Amino acid sequence: MSAISLDLNQDHYDAKLAAVLAAMPGQDPLFLPTNFWNLGVRTLLSDWYKYGGGVEKFKSWTSAHSFFYPIYGYGLRQTEIDEVVSKINELVDKRHRNTGRFNTLMNGRIDAERDFDMAQAIWNQDRWPMEFNFGESRIGQMPQAYSLLGQGGPVFGRPLLNYLLCLAALSNHVEAPPKTVLEIGGGFGVLGEIMLKSDPEAQYLDVDIPPLTVVADYYLSNVFPGDDRAKSIPSWEFPDVKGPFDLFVNSYSFQEMEPHVVANYISMVAANQCRYVLSLNTTEGKRVLDPDDPGSGGVNEPVTTAFIESEFAAAGYRTVYKSANTVLKSSASLMIMERL
């Protein structure tokens, strides 16, 4: 209990964040935030200090929903949904009113149920046995918590379900369940939560920039207190990592970097002998920076799915699955690659 109390202490993580930020100057630019994330870092840091709970409420930060914690539906509060449903009921004949249905449409539950059902439907239980009896921890103040296995059971948010869909696709191409997972840009570390909750032998390492590396450290340390199987490290410590790993994952992260930065990361992933690669990134890359408004975000040169695939091919990987029309209903391409 004492370890949990320590990790939940805001001052403890304020100090960790300060130490990581102080270590940034002088690091190799290949491991520092590129132009797109300069804006993101400032925005996230603002929310870290603006809210009374700081990191303890990170899932409810306004910036989180844009940068690392997507939500379902329209992002409305229940009071706002009730008002909308009331207006709809005024326009619909009494015989056809369905307040419950309207609620699930507005609050996103119907989308969460769809994604959960889809992940179970396409998961290959022969290649990768999986029990879907775990959910997402409420640590971080979840803005949405769907009980998809009945009241009183585990709850699910969109980040966890997004990863489940990606892993479901991967399950059809692995020879055996991956035990060691490396991720670059893992957000708050929910992939590590999935891996450790579903497999007592799994290990997870997240490589990320601040403040997200500290957010992930906070989350994983409190979901798995005293368990060193899940870790998050600053990006500039990646050169010290030694593989091999069964799986490398990058989700909506390479697209926010510059090509030379991505090329360096891919060469390091290959050097760490990652067996499988799962990439989910925007097909055409992020928008180009407006030179007249450099503080608005954007990239100097888009990282496309084709670029990511070609770099991995040059590093000794072959593509075994690629789809630009994923069940995630986005403009991204999901790619699965295997080391030759």
Protein backbone atom coordinates (compact mmCIF):
# COMPACT_ATOMS: atom_id res chain seq x y z
CA MET A 1 0.00 0.00 0.00
CA SER A 2 2.86 2.39 0.80
CA ALA A 3 4.30 2.01 -2.73
CA ILE A 4 0.94 2.89 -4.25
CA SER A 5 0.58 5.94 -2.02
CA LEU A 6 4.04 7.12 -3.04
CA ASP A 7 3.41 6.70 -6.75
CA LEU A 8 0.09 8.52 -6.53
CA ASN A 9 1.78 11.54 -4.96
CA GLN A 10 1.61 14.53 -7.30
CA ASP A 11 4.82 16.06 -5.93
CA HIS A 12 6.68 12.84 -6.64
CA TYR A 13 5.84 13.03 -10.35
CA ASP A 14 6.27 16.79 -10.55
CA ALA A 15 9.86 16.14 -9.47
CA LYS A 16 10.26 13.33 -12.02
CA LEU A 17 8.98 15.58 -14.80
CA ALA A 18 11.29 18.40 -13.76
CA ALA A 19 14.27 16.04 -13.83
CA VAL A 20 13.43 14.72 -17.31
CA LEU A 21 12.87 18.21 -18.70
CA ALA A 22 16.17 19.35 -17.20
CA ALA A 23 17.94 16.46 -18.95
CA MET A 24 16.63 17.39 -22.41
CA PRO A 25 19.01 20.21 -23.37
CA GLY A 26 22.07 18.87 -25.12
CA GLN A 27 20.52 15.52 -26.08
CA ASP A 28 20.85 14.27 -29.65
CA PRO A 29 18.13 16.01 -31.73
CA LEU A 30 17.25 12.62 -33.23
CA PHE A 31 15.60 11.78 -29.90
CA LEU A 32 13.96 15.11 -29.11
CA PRO A 33 10.52 16.46 -30.07
CA THR A 34 10.35 17.53 -33.70
CA ASN A 35 8.31 20.50 -34.89
CA PHE A 36 4.92 18.82 -34.63
CA TRP A 37 5.48 17.84 -31.01
CA ASN A 38 6.93 21.18 -29.93
CA LEU A 39 3.34 22.40 -29.86
CA GLY A 40 2.13 19.17 -28.26
CA VAL A 41 4.68 19.29 -25.46
CA ARG A 42 3.77 22.89 -24.58
CA THR A 43 0.06 22.06 -24.58
CA LEU A 44 0.44 18.94 -22.44
CA LEU A 45 2.71 20.68 -19.96
CA SER A 46 0.15 23.45 -19.64
CA ASP A 47 -2.55 20.92 -18.76
CA TRP A 48 -0.24 19.08 -16.36
CA TYR A 49 0.10 22.21 -14.23
CA LYS A 50 -3.29 23.78 -14.92
CA TYR A 51 -5.49 21.09 -13.39
CA GLY A 52 -5.68 20.64 -9.64
CA GLY A 53 -4.84 16.95 -9.85
CA GLY A 54 -2.09 17.30 -12.43
CA VAL A 55 -0.91 13.91 -13.65
CA GLU A 56 -3.51 12.18 -11.48
CA LYS A 57 -6.20 13.43 -13.88
CA PHE A 58 -4.27 13.07 -17.14
CA LYS A 59 -6.98 11.11 -18.98
CA SER A 60 -9.33 14.04 -18.58
CA TRP A 61 -6.94 16.74 -19.78
CA THR A 62 -8.43 18.64 -22.72
CA SER A 63 -5.17 18.18 -24.63
CA ALA A 64 -5.12 14.43 -23.96
CA HIS A 65 -8.07 13.87 -26.28
CA SER A 66 -6.14 15.45 -29.15
CA PHE A 67 -2.72 13.96 -28.51
CA PHE A 68 -2.90 10.57 -26.77
CA TYR A 69 -6.28 9.71 -25.23
CA PRO A 70 -9.00 9.56 -27.92
CA ILE A 71 -12.62 9.34 -26.84
CA TYR A 72 -15.82 8.06 -28.41
CA GLY A 73 -18.92 10.00 -29.33
CA TYR A 74 -19.13 13.76 -29.20
CA GLY A 75 -17.33 14.34 -25.92
CA LEU A 76 -20.53 15.63 -24.31
CA ARG A 77 -21.26 15.55 -20.60
CA GLN A 78 -24.25 13.45 -19.56
CA THR A 79 -26.24 16.57 -18.73
CA GLU A 80 -25.67 17.80 -22.29
CA ILE A 81 -26.64 14.40 -23.71
CA ASP A 82 -29.84 14.42 -21.66
CA GLU A 83 -30.72 17.80 -23.10
CA VAL A 84 -30.12 16.62 -26.67
CA VAL A 85 -32.14 13.44 -26.12
CA SER A 86 -34.97 15.50 -24.67
CA LYS A 87 -35.06 17.63 -27.82
CA ILE A 88 -35.02 14.51 -30.02
CA ASN A 89 -37.92 13.02 -28.09
CA GLU A 90 -39.93 16.15 -28.75
CA LEU A 91 -39.58 15.50 -32.48
CA VAL A 92 -40.16 11.74 -32.49
CA ASP A 93 -43.51 10.00 -32.20
CA LYS A 94 -43.96 8.36 -28.77
CA ARG A 95 -44.17 4.92 -30.37
CA HIS A 96 -40.66 5.27 -31.79
CA ARG A 97 -38.84 6.91 -28.92
CA ASN A 98 -35.81 5.01 -27.64
CA THR A 99 -34.04 7.07 -25.03
CA GLY A 100 -31.54 4.30 -24.27
CA ARG A 101 -30.57 3.99 -27.93
CA PHE A 102 -30.16 7.74 -28.27
CA ASN A 103 -27.91 7.76 -25.21
CA THR A 104 -25.61 5.03 -26.54
CA LEU A 105 -25.29 6.89 -29.83
CA MET A 106 -24.42 10.17 -28.15
CA ASN A 107 -22.09 8.89 -25.43
CA GLY A 108 -20.16 6.54 -27.72
CA ARG A 109 -21.11 3.27 -26.05
CA ILE A 110 -22.39 1.78 -29.29
CA ASP A 111 -18.99 2.41 -30.89
CA ALA A 112 -17.18 0.87 -27.92
CA GLU A 113 -19.38 -2.22 -28.13
CA ARG A 114 -18.71 -2.49 -31.86
CA ASP A 115 -14.94 -2.33 -31.40
CA PHE A 116 -14.95 -4.84 -28.55
CA ASP A 117 -17.08 -7.28 -30.54
CA MET A 118 -14.91 -6.80 -33.65
CA ALA A 119 -11.69 -7.45 -31.74
CA GLN A 120 -13.09 -10.71 -30.39
CA ALA A 121 -14.47 -11.74 -33.78
CA ILE A 122 -11.22 -11.38 -35.72
CA TRP A 123 -8.83 -12.55 -32.98
CA ASN A 124 -7.04 -15.78 -33.91
CA GLN A 125 -7.32 -17.87 -30.77
CA ASP A 126 -5.26 -20.70 -32.28
CA ARG A 127 -2.19 -18.56 -32.88
CA TRP A 128 -2.61 -16.30 -29.87
CA PRO A 129 -5.00 -17.50 -27.13
CA MET A 130 -6.62 -14.50 -25.44
CA GLU A 131 -9.24 -14.06 -22.75
CA PHE A 132 -11.06 -10.74 -22.96
CA ASN A 133 -11.74 -10.54 -19.24
CA PHE A 134 -9.64 -7.49 -18.40
CA GLY A 135 -10.16 -3.79 -18.94
CA GLU A 136 -8.54 -0.42 -18.42
CA SER A 137 -7.60 0.92 -15.01
CA ARG A 138 -9.54 3.96 -13.82
CA ILE A 139 -6.26 5.53 -12.70
CA GLY A 140 -5.92 8.90 -14.43
CA GLN A 141 -9.63 9.76 -14.15
CA MET A 142 -11.19 8.10 -17.20
CA PRO A 143 -13.61 10.42 -19.03
CA GLN A 144 -15.42 7.38 -20.43
CA ALA A 145 -15.63 3.96 -18.76
CA TYR A 146 -17.79 1.42 -20.55
CA SER A 147 -18.77 -1.77 -18.70
CA LEU A 148 -18.84 -4.14 -21.67
CA LEU A 149 -18.86 -7.37 -19.66
CA GLY A 150 -21.68 -6.45 -17.32
CA GLN A 151 -22.07 -4.10 -14.39
CA GLY A 152 -19.33 -4.47 -11.82
CA GLY A 153 -16.93 -5.93 -14.37
CA PRO A 154 -13.91 -4.34 -16.03
CA VAL A 155 -14.31 -1.05 -17.87
CA PHE A 156 -13.02 -0.05 -21.28
CA GLY A 157 -11.96 3.21 -22.91
CA ARG A 158 -11.18 3.93 -26.54
CA PRO A 159 -7.35 3.77 -26.27
CA LEU A 160 -7.41 0.19 -24.98
CA LEU A 161 -9.99 -0.89 -27.56
CA ASN A 162 -7.99 0.71 -30.39
CA TYR A 163 -4.98 -1.39 -29.42
CA LEU A 164 -7.11 -4.52 -29.10
CA LEU A 165 -8.25 -4.08 -32.70
CA CYS A 166 -4.65 -3.74 -33.90
CA LEU A 167 -3.52 -6.75 -31.89
CA ALA A 168 -6.48 -8.74 -33.21
CA ALA A 169 -5.19 -8.18 -36.73
CA LEU A 170 -1.68 -9.12 -35.60
CA SER A 171 -2.95 -12.35 -34.01
CA ASN A 172 -3.60 -13.75 -37.47
CA HIS A 173 0.07 -13.45 -38.47
CA VAL A 174 2.17 -14.41 -35.43
CA GLU A 175 3.47 -17.91 -34.86
CA ALA A 176 3.12 -17.57 -31.09
CA PRO A 177 1.97 -14.90 -28.61
CA PRO A 178 4.58 -12.12 -28.32
CA LYS A 179 6.12 -11.94 -24.88
CA THR A 180 8.45 -8.95 -25.18
CA VAL A 181 7.10 -5.72 -26.64
CA LEU A 182 8.89 -2.50 -27.57
CA GLU A 183 6.89 0.61 -28.40
CA ILE A 184 7.94 4.09 -29.49
CA GLY A 185 5.44 6.78 -28.61
CA GLY A 186 3.24 4.68 -26.35
CA GLY A 187 1.16 7.53 -24.93
CA PHE A 188 0.18 6.63 -21.38
CA GLY A 189 1.28 2.99 -21.72
CA VAL A 190 -2.04 1.22 -22.24
CA LEU A 191 -0.44 -1.36 -24.56
CA GLY A 192 1.73 -2.39 -21.63
CA GLU A 193 -1.41 -2.72 -19.53
CA ILE A 194 -2.95 -5.06 -22.12
CA MET A 195 0.16 -7.20 -22.39
CA LEU A 196 0.78 -7.61 -18.66
CA LYS A 197 -2.87 -8.17 -17.75
CA SER A 198 -3.29 -10.83 -20.43
CA ASP A 199 0.03 -12.61 -19.96
CA PRO A 200 1.96 -12.99 -16.67
CA GLU A 201 5.17 -13.59 -18.64
CA ALA A 202 4.93 -10.48 -20.84
CA GLN A 203 7.36 -7.56 -20.69
CA TYR A 204 6.81 -4.09 -22.13
CA LEU A 205 9.12 -1.15 -22.80
CA ASP A 206 7.87 2.27 -23.89
CA VAL A 207 10.20 4.87 -25.41
CA ASP A 208 8.76 8.38 -25.48
CA ILE A 209 9.36 12.10 -25.09
CA PRO A 210 8.38 14.10 -22.01
CA PRO A 211 5.94 14.68 -20.53
CA LEU A 212 4.41 11.45 -21.87
CA THR A 213 7.25 9.24 -20.71
CA VAL A 214 6.51 10.46 -17.16
CA VAL A 215 2.74 10.03 -17.65
CA ALA A 216 3.34 6.42 -18.76
CA ASP A 217 5.71 5.85 -15.86
CA TYR A 218 3.06 7.14 -13.47
CA TYR A 219 0.34 4.98 -15.00
CA LEU A 220 2.24 1.71 -15.29
CA SER A 221 3.81 2.08 -11.84
CA ASN A 222 0.38 2.44 -10.29
CA VAL A 223 -1.44 -0.18 -12.33
CA PHE A 224 1.38 -2.65 -11.58
CA PRO A 225 2.97 -1.44 -8.33
CA GLY A 226 6.33 -3.00 -7.63
CA ASP A 227 6.33 -4.82 -11.01
CA ASP A 228 9.27 -4.01 -13.27
CA ARG A 229 7.91 -5.85 -16.33
CA ALA A 230 6.50 -2.60 -17.73
CA LYS A 231 8.71 0.47 -18.07
CA SER A 232 8.78 3.84 -19.81
CA ILE A 233 12.05 5.60 -20.61
CA PRO A 234 12.94 8.94 -22.24
CA SER A 235 13.63 8.67 -25.95
CA TRP A 236 17.32 9.59 -25.62
CA GLU A 237 17.90 6.46 -23.52
CA PHE A 238 16.86 4.23 -26.42
CA PRO A 239 20.49 3.66 -27.56
CA ASP A 240 21.05 1.79 -24.27
CA VAL A 241 18.22 -0.68 -24.97
CA LYS A 242 19.24 -4.22 -25.85
CA GLY A 243 16.91 -6.63 -27.64
CA PRO A 244 15.70 -8.94 -28.89
CA PHE A 245 11.95 -8.22 -28.80
CA ASP A 246 9.09 -10.27 -30.15
CA LEU A 247 7.12 -7.22 -31.24
CA PHE A 248 7.64 -3.55 -32.06
CA VAL A 249 4.64 -1.21 -32.16
CA ASN A 250 4.20 2.32 -33.41
CA SER A 251 0.72 3.83 -33.36
CA TYR A 252 0.13 7.35 -34.70
CA SER A 253 3.65 8.40 -33.73
CA PHE A 254 6.00 8.06 -36.72
CA GLN A 255 3.61 10.26 -38.71
CA GLU A 256 4.36 13.12 -36.30
CA MET A 257 8.14 12.98 -36.79
CA GLU A 258 10.46 13.95 -39.62
CA PRO A 259 11.68 11.29 -42.10
CA HIS A 260 15.30 11.26 -40.91
CA VAL A 261 14.15 10.77 -37.30
CA VAL A 262 11.90 7.87 -38.30
CA ALA A 263 14.66 6.31 -40.38
CA ASN A 264 16.97 6.38 -37.36
CA TYR A 265 14.36 4.80 -35.11
CA ILE A 266 13.66 2.05 -37.64
CA SER A 267 17.35 1.21 -37.92
CA MET A 268 17.47 0.91 -34.12
CA VAL A 269 14.35 -1.27 -34.05
CA ALA A 270 16.02 -3.59 -36.56
CA ALA A 271 19.23 -3.59 -34.52
CA ASN A 272 17.17 -4.73 -31.52
CA GLN A 273 16.01 -7.74 -33.56
CA CYS A 274 12.28 -7.13 -33.26
CA ARG A 275 10.55 -10.14 -34.83
CA TYR A 276 7.26 -8.49 -35.77
CA VAL A 277 6.37 -4.87 -36.49
CA LEU A 278 2.93 -3.32 -36.14
CA SER A 279 2.56 0.17 -37.60
CA LEU A 280 -0.59 2.28 -37.57
CA ASN A 281 0.04 5.68 -39.12
CA THR A 282 -1.73 8.13 -41.39
CA THR A 283 -1.40 7.01 -44.99
CA GLU A 284 -0.31 10.38 -46.39
CA GLY A 285 1.35 11.72 -43.24
CA LYS A 286 0.65 14.89 -41.29
CA ARG A 287 0.06 18.28 -42.87
CA VAL A 288 3.06 20.39 -43.81
CA LEU A 289 4.05 23.24 -41.51
CA ASP A 290 2.76 26.67 -42.48
CA PRO A 291 5.95 28.80 -42.72
CA ASP A 292 3.93 31.87 -41.80
CA ASP A 293 2.69 30.25 -38.61
CA PRO A 294 5.47 27.98 -37.26
CA GLY A 295 3.80 27.64 -33.88
CA SER A 296 0.66 26.02 -35.29
CA GLY A 297 2.13 22.53 -35.62
CA GLY A 298 2.74 20.43 -38.70
CA VAL A 299 5.79 18.70 -40.17
CA ASN A 300 8.49 19.87 -42.53
CA GLU A 301 8.15 16.71 -44.62
CA PRO A 302 5.33 14.16 -44.23
CA VAL A 303 6.16 10.60 -43.16
CA THR A 304 3.89 8.41 -45.28
CA THR A 305 3.00 4.78 -44.84
CA ALA A 306 4.96 4.04 -48.02
CA PHE A 307 8.07 5.62 -46.46
CA ILE A 308 7.71 3.59 -43.27
CA GLU A 309 7.27 0.38 -45.26
CA SER A 310 10.27 1.08 -47.49
CA GLU A 311 12.53 1.83 -44.52
CA PHE A 312 11.56 -1.40 -42.80
CA ALA A 313 12.05 -3.29 -46.07
CA ALA A 314 15.57 -1.88 -46.34
CA ALA A 315 16.19 -2.99 -42.75
CA GLY A 316 15.22 -6.58 -43.54
CA TYR A 317 11.45 -6.80 -43.03
CA ARG A 318 8.68 -8.02 -45.31
CA THR A 319 5.08 -6.83 -45.19
CA VAL A 320 2.61 -9.62 -44.39
CA TYR A 321 -0.51 -7.47 -44.01
CA LYS A 322 -1.51 -3.95 -45.03
CA SER A 323 -4.88 -2.26 -45.05
CA ALA A 324 -5.79 1.38 -45.57
CA ASN A 325 -9.40 0.67 -44.60
CA THR A 326 -9.00 -0.52 -41.05
CA VAL A 327 -11.77 -1.26 -38.59
CA LEU A 328 -10.51 1.78 -36.69
CA LYS A 329 -12.42 3.91 -39.21
CA SER A 330 -9.57 6.34 -39.80
CA SER A 331 -7.35 7.55 -42.62
CA ALA A 332 -4.49 5.44 -41.29
CA SER A 333 -2.87 2.34 -42.75
CA LEU A 334 -2.34 -0.68 -40.55
CA MET A 335 0.78 -2.64 -41.49
CA ILE A 336 2.21 -5.83 -40.07
CA MET A 337 5.77 -6.77 -40.97
CA GLU A 338 8.00 -9.71 -40.14
CA ARG A 339 11.77 -9.89 -39.92
CA LEU A 340 13.30 -11.98 -42.72
